[in-house]
Amino acid sequence: MTLLVDPPVAALPPEAGLEALASLLRGRRVVVLTGAGCSTESGIPDYRGPETRHKVRNPIQHREFLQRPEVRARYWARSLLGWPRFTSARPNDAHFALAALETAGVTPGLITQNVDGLHHAAGSQRVLELHGALSRVRCLSCQAQEPRASVQARMLGLNPDFAHTVVELRPDGDAELPPEAVADFRVPACTRCGGTLKPDVVFFGDNVAAPLVHDAFALLEEGDALLVVGSSLTVYSGFRFVTRAAERHMPIGILNIGESRGDSLADVRVEARAGDVLPRLVASLTRA
């Protein structure tokens, strides 16, 4: 089915947007799709937000990570430095509000593009992590999993001088680091077979696992409406759920700072911080 592309829906300010979202979603089962903008208030930067879209970012590419040892060394060196700040992030008001929506039975679950685990930390139970989770590491040879925290300890043991480097945190949980700084970095191997380790996340150029995509579409089928929170929807892995919702004539609300790829498909579009709007939206939707 081909969707007709309409002009983008005008963004509403927080007060008017809150009322419009509540009217759109009230009495409906709301499936939620979240992106990096849901976690920026927890101190985790994004790629395309108003404060970061002007910066030149070079995210790790899937094929390069698999084929080039120096790329793996660069990733793990940057990850060693960024991990302490990334793992210290805590859920914000938006995460807790979405967990409350699930507890109240308003939403059957949520789909997230984030890899930070903050939805789980806030109490959400049914969370489909499209891009995986940085808390897990997988061996590419034997598929054994290892907690990211234990890999961190092994990396520190192999590279003790790196722990004192001051860096800027990146969206992927790693950090800014010049290439020359990783020339002698020692990368740990799988403790079971000696194979190559990779964070259990989807890098750029890789695909979301087909069973997970199937489960996410099945979750969408359980809803009567879709609420997008904090995503520009630039990446197709998230945008496809908006197009499917539009094909099913589901009401679509978008809460985001800045434009998104799905603006022409939205019924209501609100430009505001998720942590400012979602708690009040939850109160409105769950009020007896």
Protein backbone atom coordinates (compact mmCIF):
# COMPACT_ATOMS: atom_id res chain seq x y z
CA MET A 1 0.00 0.00 0.00
CA THR A 2 1.36 3.42 -0.98
CA LEU A 3 0.96 6.22 1.53
CA LEU A 4 0.12 9.69 0.32
CA VAL A 5 2.60 12.15 1.81
CA ASP A 6 0.88 15.15 3.40
CA PRO A 7 2.56 18.33 4.60
CA PRO A 8 4.04 18.07 8.10
CA VAL A 9 1.58 18.66 10.92
CA ALA A 10 2.31 21.93 12.73
CA ALA A 11 4.10 21.42 16.04
CA LEU A 12 2.13 22.42 19.12
CA PRO A 13 3.65 24.03 22.22
CA PRO A 14 3.61 22.00 25.47
CA GLU A 15 0.28 23.19 26.94
CA ALA A 16 -1.80 22.89 23.79
CA GLY A 17 0.10 19.76 22.81
CA LEU A 18 -0.64 18.05 26.11
CA GLU A 19 -4.36 18.58 25.67
CA ALA A 20 -4.25 17.44 22.04
CA LEU A 21 -2.28 14.29 22.86
CA ALA A 22 -4.61 13.42 25.72
CA SER A 23 -7.65 13.80 23.46
CA LEU A 24 -6.00 11.70 20.75
CA LEU A 25 -4.95 8.84 23.03
CA ARG A 26 -7.65 8.73 25.71
CA GLY A 27 -9.55 5.43 25.80
CA ARG A 28 -7.10 3.75 23.44
CA ARG A 29 -4.38 1.13 23.85
CA VAL A 30 -1.21 3.10 23.14
CA VAL A 31 1.93 1.44 21.78
CA VAL A 32 4.99 3.61 22.42
CA LEU A 33 8.09 3.98 20.25
CA THR A 34 11.04 5.76 21.88
CA GLY A 35 14.31 7.17 20.61
CA ALA A 36 17.38 8.89 21.99
CA GLY A 37 15.45 12.04 22.89
CA CYS A 38 13.80 10.07 25.68
CA SER A 39 17.21 9.65 27.37
CA THR A 40 18.89 13.01 26.79
CA GLU A 41 17.41 14.26 30.06
CA SER A 42 19.33 11.44 31.75
CA GLY A 43 22.59 12.84 30.37
CA ILE A 44 22.98 10.52 27.39
CA PRO A 45 23.63 12.53 24.20
CA ASP A 46 21.86 11.81 20.93
CA TYR A 47 22.94 12.05 17.30
CA ARG A 48 20.27 14.35 15.87
CA GLY A 49 19.00 16.51 18.70
CA PRO A 50 19.19 20.31 18.68
CA GLU A 51 22.46 20.28 20.66
CA THR A 52 24.23 17.54 18.71
CA ARG A 53 23.06 17.51 15.09
CA HIS A 54 25.67 20.15 14.15
CA LYS A 55 28.54 17.96 15.40
CA VAL A 56 30.44 15.65 13.07
CA ARG A 57 29.95 12.10 14.35
CA ASN A 58 31.54 8.96 12.95
CA PRO A 59 29.61 6.05 14.43
CA ILE A 60 31.11 2.58 14.25
CA GLN A 61 30.11 0.76 11.06
CA HIS A 62 29.13 -2.89 11.35
CA ARG A 63 31.24 -4.17 8.46
CA GLU A 64 34.33 -2.27 9.55
CA PHE A 65 34.03 -3.60 13.09
CA LEU A 66 33.87 -7.17 11.77
CA GLN A 67 36.72 -6.82 9.27
CA ARG A 68 39.27 -4.44 10.79
CA PRO A 69 41.08 -5.11 14.10
CA GLU A 70 42.07 -1.45 14.41
CA VAL A 71 38.40 -0.42 14.26
CA ARG A 72 37.59 -2.86 17.04
CA ALA A 73 40.46 -1.50 19.10
CA ARG A 74 39.21 2.06 18.57
CA TYR A 75 35.68 1.13 19.59
CA TRP A 76 36.69 -0.72 22.74
CA ALA A 77 39.16 1.98 23.80
CA ARG A 78 36.48 4.64 23.44
CA SER A 79 33.94 2.39 25.13
CA LEU A 80 36.22 1.80 28.10
CA LEU A 81 36.31 5.55 28.70
CA GLY A 82 32.64 6.26 28.07
CA TRP A 83 31.21 3.32 29.98
CA PRO A 84 31.45 4.72 33.54
CA ARG A 85 29.40 7.82 32.67
CA PHE A 86 27.00 5.87 30.48
CA THR A 87 26.26 3.27 33.13
CA SER A 88 25.80 5.95 35.79
CA ALA A 89 22.82 7.41 33.92
CA ARG A 90 19.49 7.04 35.70
CA PRO A 91 15.91 7.02 34.37
CA ASN A 92 14.25 10.41 34.09
CA ASP A 93 10.64 11.52 34.43
CA ALA A 94 9.85 10.37 30.88
CA HIS A 95 10.99 6.80 31.57
CA PHE A 96 9.01 6.62 34.80
CA ALA A 97 5.91 8.05 33.11
CA LEU A 98 6.00 5.41 30.38
CA ALA A 99 6.41 2.67 32.98
CA ALA A 100 3.34 4.07 34.75
CA LEU A 101 1.35 3.92 31.50
CA GLU A 102 2.12 0.21 31.27
CA THR A 103 1.23 -0.40 34.92
CA ALA A 104 -2.09 1.37 34.37
CA GLY A 105 -2.85 -0.84 31.37
CA VAL A 106 -2.86 2.04 28.91
CA THR A 107 0.04 0.64 26.89
CA PRO A 108 0.68 -3.04 26.14
CA GLY A 109 4.40 -2.32 25.87
CA LEU A 110 6.98 -0.19 24.15
CA ILE A 111 9.50 -0.43 21.33
CA THR A 112 12.76 1.42 21.81
CA GLN A 113 15.69 2.34 19.62
CA ASN A 114 17.76 3.02 22.73
CA VAL A 115 20.48 0.70 24.05
CA ASP A 116 20.78 2.18 27.56
CA GLY A 117 18.38 -0.08 29.48
CA LEU A 118 16.72 2.88 31.19
CA HIS A 119 13.18 1.74 30.40
CA HIS A 120 13.81 -1.49 32.30
CA ALA A 121 15.44 0.48 35.13
CA ALA A 122 12.33 2.67 35.39
CA GLY A 123 10.04 -0.34 35.75
CA SER A 124 8.76 -1.00 32.23
CA GLN A 125 8.21 -4.73 31.78
CA ARG A 126 7.53 -5.31 28.09
CA VAL A 127 10.33 -3.55 26.27
CA LEU A 128 11.47 -4.53 22.79
CA GLU A 129 15.02 -3.22 22.31
CA LEU A 130 15.36 -2.88 18.54
CA HIS A 131 19.06 -2.05 18.66
CA GLY A 132 20.06 -4.32 21.53
CA ALA A 133 21.59 -3.41 24.89
CA LEU A 134 25.07 -2.18 25.76
CA SER A 135 24.93 -4.10 29.03
CA ARG A 136 25.60 -7.32 27.10
CA VAL A 137 28.62 -8.45 25.07
CA ARG A 138 28.54 -11.38 22.65
CA CYS A 139 31.29 -13.51 21.14
CA LEU A 140 31.06 -13.55 17.35
CA SER A 141 32.51 -17.07 17.22
CA CYS A 142 30.75 -19.13 19.91
CA GLN A 143 27.87 -16.69 20.70
CA ALA A 144 28.68 -16.78 24.43
CA GLN A 145 27.39 -13.73 26.32
CA GLU A 146 29.27 -11.80 28.97
CA PRO A 147 28.12 -8.84 31.07
CA ARG A 148 29.59 -5.57 29.83
CA ALA A 149 30.76 -4.81 33.36
CA SER A 150 33.07 -7.83 33.41
CA VAL A 151 34.52 -6.88 30.02
CA GLN A 152 35.17 -3.41 31.44
CA ALA A 153 37.15 -4.93 34.32
CA ARG A 154 39.23 -7.03 31.93
CA MET A 155 39.93 -4.05 29.67
CA LEU A 156 41.08 -1.98 32.64
CA GLY A 157 43.42 -4.77 33.63
CA LEU A 158 44.90 -4.89 30.14
CA ASN A 159 45.04 -1.09 29.71
CA PRO A 160 45.44 0.47 33.18
CA ASP A 161 46.64 3.88 31.94
CA PHE A 162 43.42 4.51 29.98
CA ALA A 163 41.26 4.93 33.07
CA HIS A 164 42.53 8.46 33.73
CA THR A 165 41.84 9.94 30.28
CA VAL A 166 39.26 12.77 30.22
CA VAL A 167 36.86 12.49 27.27
CA GLU A 168 33.49 13.62 25.91
CA LEU A 169 30.69 11.04 26.07
CA ARG A 170 29.18 9.90 22.75
CA PRO A 171 25.65 8.62 22.01
CA ASP A 172 26.80 5.00 21.71
CA GLY A 173 28.14 4.87 25.25
CA ASP A 174 31.71 5.33 24.06
CA ALA A 175 33.77 8.53 23.94
CA GLU A 176 35.64 10.93 21.69
CA LEU A 177 39.25 9.78 21.28
CA PRO A 178 41.88 10.54 18.61
CA PRO A 179 43.01 7.51 16.54
CA GLU A 180 46.65 7.80 17.65
CA ALA A 181 45.62 7.30 21.26
CA VAL A 182 44.53 3.70 20.64
CA ALA A 183 47.60 2.40 18.80
CA ASP A 184 48.66 0.18 21.71
CA PHE A 185 45.23 -0.61 23.12
CA ARG A 186 44.79 -4.27 24.05
CA VAL A 187 41.38 -5.76 23.24
CA PRO A 188 40.11 -8.63 25.42
CA ALA A 189 38.95 -11.85 23.76
CA CYS A 190 36.15 -14.25 24.59
CA THR A 191 36.97 -16.13 27.80
CA ARG A 192 35.41 -19.30 26.40
CA CYS A 193 36.93 -19.62 22.93
CA GLY A 194 39.24 -16.65 22.42
CA GLY A 195 36.96 -15.22 19.74
CA THR A 196 36.10 -11.63 18.87
CA LEU A 197 33.79 -9.75 21.24
CA LYS A 198 31.10 -7.34 20.08
CA PRO A 199 28.61 -5.32 22.13
CA ASP A 200 25.17 -6.87 21.75
CA VAL A 201 23.87 -3.89 19.78
CA VAL A 202 23.07 -3.11 16.17
CA PHE A 203 25.81 -0.97 14.64
CA PHE A 204 25.21 1.29 11.65
CA GLY A 205 24.97 -0.83 8.49
CA ASP A 206 23.63 -3.87 10.36
CA ASN A 207 20.03 -5.07 10.46
CA VAL A 208 17.64 -5.61 13.34
CA ALA A 209 17.07 -9.35 13.81
CA ALA A 210 13.99 -10.51 11.89
CA PRO A 211 12.33 -12.23 14.91
CA LEU A 212 12.59 -8.99 16.89
CA VAL A 213 11.04 -6.99 14.05
CA HIS A 214 8.23 -9.55 13.90
CA ASP A 215 7.61 -9.22 17.64
CA ALA A 216 7.58 -5.42 17.37
CA PHE A 217 5.01 -5.48 14.58
CA ALA A 218 2.94 -7.93 16.62
CA LEU A 219 3.04 -5.52 19.57
CA LEU A 220 1.92 -2.70 17.30
CA GLU A 221 -1.08 -4.84 16.28
CA GLU A 222 -2.17 -4.92 19.94
CA GLY A 223 -2.55 -1.15 20.01
CA ASP A 224 -5.15 1.34 18.88
CA ALA A 225 -2.71 4.27 18.69
CA LEU A 226 1.02 4.96 18.41
CA LEU A 227 2.96 7.49 20.47
CA VAL A 228 6.49 8.36 19.30
CA VAL A 229 8.72 9.87 21.99
CA GLY A 230 12.08 11.50 21.34
CA SER A 231 12.91 10.18 17.88
CA SER A 232 13.69 11.93 14.62
CA LEU A 233 12.69 8.64 12.91
CA THR A 234 15.60 9.12 10.51
CA VAL A 235 16.56 5.46 10.85
CA TYR A 236 14.21 3.08 9.09
CA SER A 237 14.28 0.60 11.98
CA GLY A 238 11.90 2.92 13.85
CA PHE A 239 10.18 4.73 11.00
CA ARG A 240 8.68 1.50 9.63
CA PHE A 241 6.38 1.27 12.65
CA VAL A 242 5.03 4.74 11.96
CA THR A 243 4.28 3.87 8.36
CA ARG A 244 2.60 0.63 9.46
CA ALA A 245 0.48 2.54 11.97
CA ALA A 246 -0.53 4.98 9.24
CA GLU A 247 -1.46 2.08 6.95
CA ARG A 248 -3.69 0.72 9.74
CA HIS A 249 -5.22 4.20 10.23
CA MET A 250 -4.03 4.27 13.83
CA PRO A 251 -3.89 7.72 15.46
CA ILE A 252 -0.24 8.83 15.69
CA GLY A 253 1.16 11.28 18.20
CA ILE A 254 4.76 12.52 18.08
CA LEU A 255 6.48 14.15 21.06
CA ASN A 256 9.91 15.36 20.03
CA ILE A 257 12.18 18.38 19.97
CA GLY A 258 12.72 19.27 16.34
CA GLU A 259 11.38 17.78 13.13
CA SER A 260 10.97 14.08 12.47
CA ARG A 261 10.62 11.93 9.41
CA GLY A 262 7.11 11.01 10.49
CA ASP A 263 5.70 14.51 10.87
CA SER A 264 3.52 14.25 7.75
CA LEU A 265 1.90 11.08 9.12
CA ALA A 266 1.17 12.40 12.61
CA ASP A 267 -2.24 13.47 13.88
CA VAL A 268 -0.70 15.46 16.73
CA ARG A 269 2.86 16.70 16.94
CA VAL A 270 4.21 18.28 20.11
CA GLU A 271 7.55 20.04 20.37
CA ALA A 272 8.64 19.74 24.00
CA ARG A 273 10.84 17.80 26.37
CA ALA A 274 9.47 14.34 27.07
CA GLY A 275 10.08 14.70 30.80
CA ASP A 276 7.93 17.83 30.91
CA VAL A 277 4.92 16.45 29.04
CA LEU A 278 4.71 12.71 29.72
CA PRO A 279 4.06 12.78 33.48
CA ARG A 280 1.13 15.14 32.95
CA LEU A 281 -0.09 13.08 30.00
CA VAL A 282 -0.06 9.96 32.15
CA ALA A 283 -2.04 11.74 34.85
CA SER A 284 -4.63 12.83 32.29
CA LEU A 285 -4.95 9.39 30.67
CA THR A 286 -5.20 7.48 33.96
CA ARG A 287 -7.50 9.85 35.79
CA ALA A 288 -10.62 8.02 36.97
